[in-house]
C-alpha atoms as a PDB file:
ATOM      1  CA  MET A   1     -11.272  13.966  -8.286  1.00  0.00           C
ATOM      2  CA  ILE A   2      -8.700  12.947  -5.698  1.00  0.00           C
ATOM      3  CA  SER A   3      -9.084  10.125  -3.167  1.00  0.00           C
ATOM      4  CA  TYR A   4      -7.533   9.752   0.273  1.00  0.00           C
ATOM      5  CA  ASP A   5      -7.310   6.430   2.119  1.00  0.00           C
ATOM      6  CA  PHE A   6      -7.250   6.580   5.927  1.00  0.00           C
ATOM      7  CA  PRO A   7      -6.507   3.234   7.646  1.00  0.00           C
ATOM      8  CA  LEU A   8      -8.115   2.730  11.028  1.00  0.00           C
ATOM      9  CA  ASN A   9      -5.906  -0.071  12.337  1.00  0.00           C
ATOM     10  CA  GLU A  10      -2.241  -1.003  12.197  1.00  0.00           C
ATOM     11  CA  ARG A  11      -2.720  -4.003   9.923  1.00  0.00           C
ATOM     12  CA  ILE A  12      -4.363  -1.982   7.137  1.00  0.00           C
ATOM     13  CA  ARG A  13      -1.802   0.781   7.677  1.00  0.00           C
ATOM     14  CA  THR A  14       0.984  -1.725   6.971  1.00  0.00           C
ATOM     15  CA  LEU A  15      -0.746  -3.048   3.846  1.00  0.00           C
ATOM     16  CA  LEU A  16      -1.206   0.468   2.456  1.00  0.00           C
ATOM     17  CA  ARG A  17       2.449   1.285   3.079  1.00  0.00           C
ATOM     18  CA  LEU A  18       3.508  -1.874   1.279  1.00  0.00           C
ATOM     19  CA  GLU A  19       1.114  -1.175  -1.597  1.00  0.00           C
ATOM     20  CA  ASP A  20       2.717   2.224  -2.069  1.00  0.00           C
ATOM     21  CA  LEU A  21       6.220   0.768  -1.904  1.00  0.00           C
ATOM     22  CA  TYR A  22       5.506  -1.998  -4.425  1.00  0.00           C
ATOM     23  CA  ALA A  23       3.970   0.552  -6.807  1.00  0.00           C
ATOM     24  CA  ARG A  24       7.053   2.782  -6.548  1.00  0.00           C
ATOM     25  CA  MET A  25       9.315  -0.222  -7.043  1.00  0.00           C
ATOM     26  CA  ALA A  26       7.466  -1.151 -10.237  1.00  0.00           C
ATOM     27  CA  TYR A  27       7.658   2.425 -11.495  1.00  0.00           C
ATOM     28  CA  PHE A  28      11.367   3.005 -10.893  1.00  0.00           C
ATOM     29  CA  SER A  29      12.541  -0.437 -11.985  1.00  0.00           C
ATOM     30  CA  GLU A  30      10.849  -0.078 -15.379  1.00  0.00           C
ATOM     31  CA  LYS A  31      12.796   3.099 -16.094  1.00  0.00           C
ATOM     32  CA  ALA A  32      16.235   3.037 -17.708  1.00  0.00           C
ATOM     33  CA  SER A  33      18.352   5.641 -15.923  1.00  0.00           C
ATOM     34  CA  ALA A  34      20.848   4.854 -13.177  1.00  0.00           C
ATOM     35  CA  ALA A  35      19.133   7.373 -10.883  1.00  0.00           C
ATOM     36  CA  ASP A  36      15.788   5.547 -11.264  1.00  0.00           C
ATOM     37  CA  HIS A  37      17.368   2.184 -10.497  1.00  0.00           C
ATOM     38  CA  HIS A  38      19.106   3.669  -7.468  1.00  0.00           C
ATOM     39  CA  ALA A  39      15.665   4.832  -6.284  1.00  0.00           C
ATOM     40  CA  ALA A  40      14.254   1.342  -6.995  1.00  0.00           C
ATOM     41  CA  LEU A  41      16.929  -0.282  -4.854  1.00  0.00           C
ATOM     42  CA  SER A  42      16.189   2.110  -1.983  1.00  0.00           C
ATOM     43  CA  VAL A  43      12.497   1.181  -2.210  1.00  0.00           C
ATOM     44  CA  LEU A  44      13.422  -2.512  -2.274  1.00  0.00           C
ATOM     45  CA  PHE A  45      15.195  -2.072   1.071  1.00  0.00           C
ATOM     46  CA  ASP A  46      12.069  -0.371   2.458  1.00  0.00           C
ATOM     47  CA  ILE A  47       9.885  -3.276   1.287  1.00  0.00           C
ATOM     48  CA  MET A  48      12.244  -5.701   3.012  1.00  0.00           C
ATOM     49  CA  GLU A  49      11.953  -3.806   6.300  1.00  0.00           C
ATOM     50  CA  VAL A  50       8.166  -3.398   6.265  1.00  0.00           C
ATOM     51  CA  ALA A  51       7.384  -6.906   4.969  1.00  0.00           C
ATOM     52  CA  SER A  52       9.610  -8.599   7.554  1.00  0.00           C
ATOM     53  CA  ARG A  53       7.011  -8.029  10.275  1.00  0.00           C
ATOM     54  CA  ALA A  54       6.673 -11.401  11.990  1.00  0.00           C
ATOM     55  CA  ASP A  55       2.898 -11.827  11.692  1.00  0.00           C
ATOM     56  CA  LEU A  56       2.385 -10.337   8.205  1.00  0.00           C
ATOM     57  CA  LYS A  57       2.415 -13.630   6.305  1.00  0.00           C
ATOM     58  CA  SER A  58       0.024 -15.374   8.724  1.00  0.00           C
ATOM     59  CA  ASP A  59      -2.315 -12.354   8.753  1.00  0.00           C
ATOM     60  CA  LEU A  60      -2.491 -12.344   4.960  1.00  0.00           C
ATOM     61  CA  LEU A  61      -3.068 -16.100   4.763  1.00  0.00           C
ATOM     62  CA  GLN A  62      -5.840 -15.964   7.362  1.00  0.00           C
ATOM     63  CA  GLU A  63      -7.572 -13.068   5.605  1.00  0.00           C
ATOM     64  CA  LEU A  64      -7.353 -14.749   2.194  1.00  0.00           C
ATOM     65  CA  GLU A  65      -8.839 -17.922   3.660  1.00  0.00           C
ATOM     66  CA  ARG A  66     -11.641 -15.966   5.327  1.00  0.00           C
ATOM     67  CA  GLN A  67     -12.467 -14.160   2.088  1.00  0.00           C
ATOM     68  CA  LYS A  68     -12.421 -17.440   0.185  1.00  0.00           C
ATOM     69  CA  ARG A  69     -14.968 -18.963   2.575  1.00  0.00           C
ATOM     70  CA  GLN A  70     -17.236 -15.921   2.398  1.00  0.00           C
ATOM     71  CA  LEU A  71     -17.128 -15.747  -1.389  1.00  0.00           C
ATOM     72  CA  ALA A  72     -17.602 -19.509  -1.797  1.00  0.00           C
ATOM     73  CA  SER A  73     -20.898 -19.193   0.086  1.00  0.00           C
ATOM     74  CA  LEU A  74     -22.196 -17.030  -2.784  1.00  0.00           C
ATOM     75  CA  HIS A  75     -22.287 -19.969  -5.208  1.00  0.00           C
ATOM     76  CA  ASN A  76     -25.751 -20.534  -6.734  1.00  0.00           C
ATOM     77  CA  ASN A  77     -26.776 -16.971  -5.873  1.00  0.00           C
ATOM     78  CA  PRO A  78     -28.817 -15.772  -8.890  1.00  0.00           C
ATOM     79  CA  GLY A  79     -27.480 -12.251  -8.461  1.00  0.00           C
ATOM     80  CA  ILE A  80     -23.856 -13.353  -8.719  1.00  0.00           C
ATOM     81  CA  SER A  81     -21.974 -14.282 -11.894  1.00  0.00           C
ATOM     82  CA  GLU A  82     -20.547 -17.759 -11.371  1.00  0.00           C
ATOM     83  CA  GLU A  83     -17.796 -17.063 -13.889  1.00  0.00           C
ATOM     84  CA  ALA A  84     -16.676 -13.872 -12.138  1.00  0.00           C
ATOM     85  CA  LEU A  85     -16.925 -15.523  -8.715  1.00  0.00           C
ATOM     86  CA  ASN A  86     -14.811 -18.503  -9.791  1.00  0.00           C
ATOM     87  CA  ALA A  87     -12.196 -16.158 -11.276  1.00  0.00           C
ATOM     88  CA  VAL A  88     -11.850 -14.318  -7.954  1.00  0.00           C
ATOM     89  CA  LEU A  89     -11.700 -17.579  -5.998  1.00  0.00           C
ATOM     90  CA  ASP A  90      -9.003 -18.919  -8.333  1.00  0.00           C
ATOM     91  CA  GLU A  91      -7.033 -15.695  -7.873  1.00  0.00           C
ATOM     92  CA  ILE A  92      -7.266 -16.022  -4.096  1.00  0.00           C
ATOM     93  CA  GLU A  93      -6.260 -19.689  -4.242  1.00  0.00           C
ATOM     94  CA  THR A  94      -3.206 -18.931  -6.381  1.00  0.00           C
ATOM     95  CA  ALA A  95      -2.126 -16.072  -4.103  1.00  0.00           C
ATOM     96  CA  SER A  96      -2.591 -18.242  -0.992  1.00  0.00           C
ATOM     97  CA  ASP A  97      -0.522 -21.083  -2.419  1.00  0.00           C
ATOM     98  CA  SER A  98       2.327 -18.752  -3.430  1.00  0.00           C
ATOM     99  CA  LEU A  99       2.316 -17.077  -0.028  1.00  0.00           C
ATOM    100  CA  PHE A 100       2.163 -20.382   1.848  1.00  0.00           C
ATOM    101  CA  ASN A 101       5.202 -21.643  -0.055  1.00  0.00           C
ATOM    102  CA  LEU A 102       7.336 -18.717   1.087  1.00  0.00           C
ATOM    103  CA  ASN A 103      10.003 -20.106   3.383  1.00  0.00           C
ATOM    104  CA  GLY A 104      11.894 -18.261   6.082  1.00  0.00           C
ATOM    105  CA  LYS A 105      11.866 -14.584   6.927  1.00  0.00           C
ATOM    106  CA  ILE A 106      10.624 -12.255   4.189  1.00  0.00           C
ATOM    107  CA  GLY A 107      13.604 -10.624   2.479  1.00  0.00           C
ATOM    108  CA  GLN A 108      16.179 -13.012   3.969  1.00  0.00           C
ATOM    109  CA  HIS A 109      17.691 -13.523   0.504  1.00  0.00           C
ATOM    110  CA  LEU A 110      18.553  -9.810   0.527  1.00  0.00           C
ATOM    111  CA  ARG A 111      20.026  -9.930   4.019  1.00  0.00           C
ATOM    112  CA  ASP A 112      22.248 -12.816   2.938  1.00  0.00           C
ATOM    113  CA  ASN A 113      23.694 -10.700   0.112  1.00  0.00           C
ATOM    114  CA  GLU A 114      26.676  -8.884   1.634  1.00  0.00           C
ATOM    115  CA  TRP A 115      26.991  -6.562  -1.374  1.00  0.00           C
ATOM    116  CA  LEU A 116      23.393  -5.360  -1.047  1.00  0.00           C
ATOM    117  CA  MET A 117      23.649  -4.981   2.725  1.00  0.00           C
ATOM    118  CA  GLY A 118      26.760  -2.867   2.257  1.00  0.00           C
ATOM    119  CA  ILE A 119      24.787  -0.541  -0.006  1.00  0.00           C
ATOM    120  CA  LYS A 120      21.875  -0.465   2.451  1.00  0.00           C
ATOM    121  CA  GLN A 121      24.194   0.478   5.295  1.00  0.00           C
ATOM    122  CA  ARG A 122      25.778   3.311   3.310  1.00  0.00           C
ATOM    123  CA  ALA A 123      22.388   4.503   2.016  1.00  0.00           C
ATOM    124  CA  CYS A 124      21.444   5.547   5.570  1.00  0.00           C
ATOM    125  CA  ILE A 125      24.194   8.182   5.422  1.00  0.00           C
ATOM    126  CA  PRO A 126      23.371  11.370   3.470  1.00  0.00           C
ATOM    127  CA  GLY A 127      25.346  11.100   0.237  1.00  0.00           C
ATOM    128  CA  GLY A 128      26.798   7.809   1.463  1.00  0.00           C
ATOM    129  CA  THR A 129      26.512   5.963  -1.852  1.00  0.00           C
ATOM    130  CA  CYS A 130      28.899   8.200  -3.799  1.00  0.00           C
ATOM    131  CA  GLU A 131      31.283   6.474  -6.200  1.00  0.00           C
ATOM    132  CA  PHE A 132      34.285   6.843  -3.865  1.00  0.00           C
ATOM    133  CA  ASP A 133      32.312   5.165  -1.039  1.00  0.00           C
ATOM    134  CA  LEU A 134      30.949   2.283  -3.121  1.00  0.00           C
ATOM    135  CA  PRO A 135      32.946   1.855  -6.330  1.00  0.00           C
ATOM    136  CA  SER A 136      31.372  -1.559  -7.025  1.00  0.00           C
ATOM    137  CA  TYR A 137      27.895   0.013  -6.814  1.00  0.00           C
ATOM    138  CA  HIS A 138      29.091   2.817  -9.104  1.00  0.00           C
ATOM    139  CA  TYR A 139      30.189   0.121 -11.554  1.00  0.00           C
ATOM    140  CA  TRP A 140      26.779  -1.616 -11.328  1.00  0.00           C
ATOM    141  CA  LEU A 141      24.928   1.639 -11.991  1.00  0.00           C
ATOM    142  CA  HIS A 142      26.937   2.029 -15.203  1.00  0.00           C
ATOM    143  CA  GLN A 143      25.946  -1.372 -16.552  1.00  0.00           C
ATOM    144  CA  ASP A 144      23.286  -1.781 -19.237  1.00  0.00           C
ATOM    145  CA  ALA A 145      19.790  -0.823 -18.029  1.00  0.00           C
ATOM    146  CA  THR A 146      18.390  -4.241 -18.981  1.00  0.00           C
ATOM    147  CA  LEU A 147      20.991  -6.005 -16.849  1.00  0.00           C
ATOM    148  CA  ARG A 148      20.256  -3.775 -13.857  1.00  0.00           C
ATOM    149  CA  ARG A 149      16.516  -4.307 -14.325  1.00  0.00           C
ATOM    150  CA  ASN A 150      16.981  -8.078 -14.392  1.00  0.00           C
ATOM    151  CA  TYR A 151      18.834  -7.895 -11.085  1.00  0.00           C
ATOM    152  CA  LEU A 152      16.128  -5.712  -9.528  1.00  0.00           C
ATOM    153  CA  ASN A 153      13.373  -8.072 -10.681  1.00  0.00           C
ATOM    154  CA  ALA A 154      15.269 -11.090  -9.382  1.00  0.00           C
ATOM    155  CA  TRP A 155      15.757  -9.469  -5.967  1.00  0.00           C
ATOM    156  CA  LEU A 156      12.079  -8.497  -5.809  1.00  0.00           C
ATOM    157  CA  ALA A 157      10.634 -11.812  -7.065  1.00  0.00           C
ATOM    158  CA  PRO A 158      10.725 -13.726  -3.739  1.00  0.00           C
ATOM    159  CA  MET A 159       8.665 -10.932  -2.140  1.00  0.00           C
ATOM    160  CA  LEU A 160       6.007 -10.721  -4.871  1.00  0.00           C
ATOM    161  CA  PRO A 161       3.619 -13.210  -3.164  1.00  0.00           C
ATOM    162  CA  ILE A 162       3.187 -10.585  -0.416  1.00  0.00           C
ATOM    163  CA  CYS A 163       2.313  -7.987  -3.066  1.00  0.00           C
ATOM    164  CA  ASN A 164      -0.202 -10.266  -4.816  1.00  0.00           C
ATOM    165  CA  ALA A 165      -1.933 -11.135  -1.546  1.00  0.00           C
ATOM    166  CA  LEU A 166      -2.250  -7.575  -0.280  1.00  0.00           C
ATOM    167  CA  ASP A 167      -3.499  -6.387  -3.696  1.00  0.00           C
ATOM    168  CA  ILE A 168      -6.413  -8.840  -3.477  1.00  0.00           C
ATOM    169  CA  ILE A 169      -7.244  -7.937   0.118  1.00  0.00           C
ATOM    170  CA  LEU A 170      -7.114  -4.166  -0.440  1.00  0.00           C
ATOM    171  CA  LYS A 171      -9.198  -4.479  -3.611  1.00  0.00           C
ATOM    172  CA  LEU A 172     -11.892  -6.412  -1.739  1.00  0.00           C
ATOM    173  CA  LEU A 173     -11.680  -3.933   1.140  1.00  0.00           C
ATOM    174  CA  ARG A 174     -12.097  -0.854  -1.070  1.00  0.00           C
ATOM    175  CA  GLU A 175     -15.025  -2.449  -2.906  1.00  0.00           C
ATOM    176  CA  SER A 176     -16.786  -3.423   0.324  1.00  0.00           C
ATOM    177  CA  GLY A 177     -18.126   0.020   1.206  1.00  0.00           C
ATOM    178  CA  LYS A 178     -21.025   2.143   0.049  1.00  0.00           C
ATOM    179  CA  VAL A 179     -20.324   5.727  -1.045  1.00  0.00           C
ATOM    180  CA  HIS A 180     -22.069   8.503   0.902  1.00  0.00           C
ATOM    181  CA  ASN A 181     -22.232  12.174  -0.081  1.00  0.00           C
ATOM    182  CA  PHE A 182     -21.650  14.778   2.628  1.00  0.00           C
ATOM    183  CA  ILE A 183     -20.873  18.460   3.099  1.00  0.00           C
ATOM    184  CA  ALA A 184     -18.400  19.682   5.688  1.00  0.00           C
ATOM    185  CA  HIS A 185     -19.739  23.063   6.805  1.00  0.00           C
ATOM    186  CA  GLN A 186     -16.936  25.598   7.116  1.00  0.00           C
ATOM    187  CA  GLY A 187     -14.407  22.821   6.771  1.00  0.00           C
ATOM    188  CA  SER A 188     -15.604  20.632   9.660  1.00  0.00           C
ATOM    189  CA  PHE A 189     -17.581  17.382   9.691  1.00  0.00           C
ATOM    190  CA  GLN A 190     -18.592  15.099  12.547  1.00  0.00           C
ATOM    191  CA  GLN A 191     -20.625  11.898  12.554  1.00  0.00           C
ATOM    192  CA  MET A 192     -21.532   9.565  15.396  1.00  0.00           C
ATOM    193  CA  GLN A 193     -20.531   6.005  14.593  1.00  0.00           C
ATOM    194  CA  GLY A 194     -22.890   4.137  16.881  1.00  0.00           C
ATOM    195  CA  GLY A 195     -20.322   1.398  17.393  1.00  0.00           C
ATOM    196  CA  ARG A 196     -19.842   0.819  13.668  1.00  0.00           C
ATOM    197  CA  VAL A 197     -16.311  -0.420  13.022  1.00  0.00           C
ATOM    198  CA  ALA A 198     -14.523   0.326   9.763  1.00  0.00           C
ATOM    199  CA  GLN A 199     -11.021  -0.662   8.734  1.00  0.00           C
ATOM    200  CA  LEU A 200     -10.561   2.002   6.084  1.00  0.00           C
ATOM    201  CA  LEU A 201     -12.109   5.373   5.303  1.00  0.00           C
ATOM    202  CA  ARG A 202     -11.995   6.696   1.743  1.00  0.00           C
ATOM    203  CA  ILE A 203     -12.554  10.401   1.109  1.00  0.00           C
ATOM    204  CA  THR A 204     -13.008  11.600  -2.472  1.00  0.00           C
ATOM    205  CA  MET A 205     -13.270  15.248  -3.415  1.00  0.00           C
ATOM    206  CA  ASP A 206     -12.772  17.647  -6.286  1.00  0.00           C
ATOM    207  CA  THR A 207      -9.136  18.552  -6.932  1.00  0.00           C
ATOM    208  CA  SER A 208     -10.139  22.194  -7.464  1.00  0.00           C
ATOM    209  CA  LEU A 209     -10.837  22.515  -3.725  1.00  0.00           C
ATOM    210  CA  LEU A 210      -7.777  24.054  -2.079  1.00  0.00           C
ATOM    211  CA  CYS A 211      -7.960  21.929   1.059  1.00  0.00           C
ATOM    212  CA  ILE A 212      -6.802  18.628   2.518  1.00  0.00           C
ATOM    213  CA  PRO A 213      -8.730  16.285   4.860  1.00  0.00           C
ATOM    214  CA  GLU A 214      -7.477  15.320   8.308  1.00  0.00           C
ATOM    215  CA  VAL A 215      -9.253  12.415   9.994  1.00  0.00           C
ATOM    216  CA  SER A 216      -9.745  11.367  13.597  1.00  0.00           C
ATOM    217  CA  ALA A 217     -11.972   8.333  14.132  1.00  0.00           C
ATOM    218  CA  ASN A 218     -12.938   5.584  16.531  1.00  0.00           C
ATOM    219  CA  LYS A 219     -15.997   3.332  16.857  1.00  0.00           C
ATOM    220  CA  TYR A 220     -17.982   6.129  18.500  1.00  0.00           C
ATOM    221  CA  VAL A 221     -17.300   9.265  16.481  1.00  0.00           C
ATOM    222  CA  LEU A 222     -15.730  10.368  13.217  1.00  0.00           C
ATOM    223  CA  ASN A 223     -14.203  13.828  12.865  1.00  0.00           C
ATOM    224  CA  ILE A 224     -12.964  15.233   9.571  1.00  0.00           C
ATOM    225  CA  ARG A 225     -11.278  18.605   9.409  1.00  0.00           C
ATOM    226  CA  PHE A 226     -10.365  20.172   6.088  1.00  0.00           C
ATOM    227  CA  VAL A 227      -7.294  22.381   6.242  1.00  0.00           C
ATOM    228  CA  THR A 228      -6.101  24.891   3.694  1.00  0.00           C
ATOM    229  CA  ALA A 229      -3.480  23.599   1.270  1.00  0.00           C
ATOM    230  CA  ASN A 230      -0.629  25.836   2.323  1.00  0.00           C
ATOM    231  CA  TYR A 231       3.001  24.899   1.704  1.00  0.00           C
ATOM    232  CA  ALA A 232       4.623  28.023   3.112  1.00  0.00           C
ATOM    233  CA  SER A 233       3.224  28.355   6.633  1.00  0.00           C
ATOM    234  CA  LYS A 234       1.079  26.602   9.228  1.00  0.00           C
ATOM    235  CA  SER A 235      -2.174  25.197   7.819  1.00  0.00           C
ATOM    236  CA  THR A 236      -5.468  26.618   8.992  1.00  0.00           C
ATOM    237  CA  VAL A 237      -9.012  25.275   8.868  1.00  0.00           C
ATOM    238  CA  TYR A 238     -10.625  25.771   5.458  1.00  0.00           C
ATOM    239  CA  ASP A 239     -13.488  28.175   6.194  1.00  0.00           C
ATOM    240  CA  GLN A 240     -15.761  27.230   3.292  1.00  0.00           C
ATOM    241  CA  ASP A 241     -18.204  24.357   2.786  1.00  0.00           C
ATOM    242  CA  VAL A 242     -16.624  21.242   1.303  1.00  0.00           C
ATOM    243  CA  ALA A 243     -18.587  18.638  -0.662  1.00  0.00           C
ATOM    244  CA  PHE A 244     -17.008  15.183  -0.446  1.00  0.00           C
ATOM    245  CA  ASN A 245     -17.736  11.479  -0.813  1.00  0.00           C
ATOM    246  CA  LEU A 246     -17.103   9.177   2.128  1.00  0.00           C
ATOM    247  CA  THR A 247     -16.812   5.385   2.032  1.00  0.00           C
ATOM    248  CA  PHE A 248     -16.650   3.139   5.107  1.00  0.00           C
ATOM    249  CA  CYS A 249     -14.751  -0.021   4.158  1.00  0.00           C
ATOM    250  CA  ALA A 250     -14.621  -3.205   6.224  1.00  0.00           C
ATOM    251  CA  LEU A 251     -13.923  -6.830   5.351  1.00  0.00           C
END
């Protein structure tokens, strides 16, 4: 099975982008080759740009606080494990404290590093980080992999509270919805929303189906069109029935 997440507002869109970037950063930084660590540094610059949005920190703190209040109200509910509930609340509290203690603009420690900003500026140019353009970067890439990894982890560390907070929020968001089974007849599906507001749609389908979902949604109507997986020419509507699972997620 393969799942697709479709954010329905800009805030969730930003969190999903950051989630993807942090995951790629973790993947590349754990590798040993110079090419992987070059990729990790490029991702680090992307995280800095996306996470520097002025209201991101306050949005995350407000959402964590809201979730903490909602979950705390479940105490003494016989259908809820107190141990599991307390573990989640402790996780939220730890993430909130770490995020609250972040000072200044996210990624400012990177902006203050002239060496890194020189690499970032050259990285915007195709082939701009060649050894003759940045000999000091060429030297760094030829250092021991452990040393390079330590630098990457140190540069990422001040931005990890953002990662921890968004991981909690997206986990709660994805677990908030109920899965529904549908069939898109001849590749098309429409459902009236009746004013129901979701923040995230999750579509899960069999990987053997040679099609890809495209979503258009608002609070009144949801349209899903499945298009043929075609990498050589313009995609067309998949003309067969498609069985899929749909989850409406909202915090």
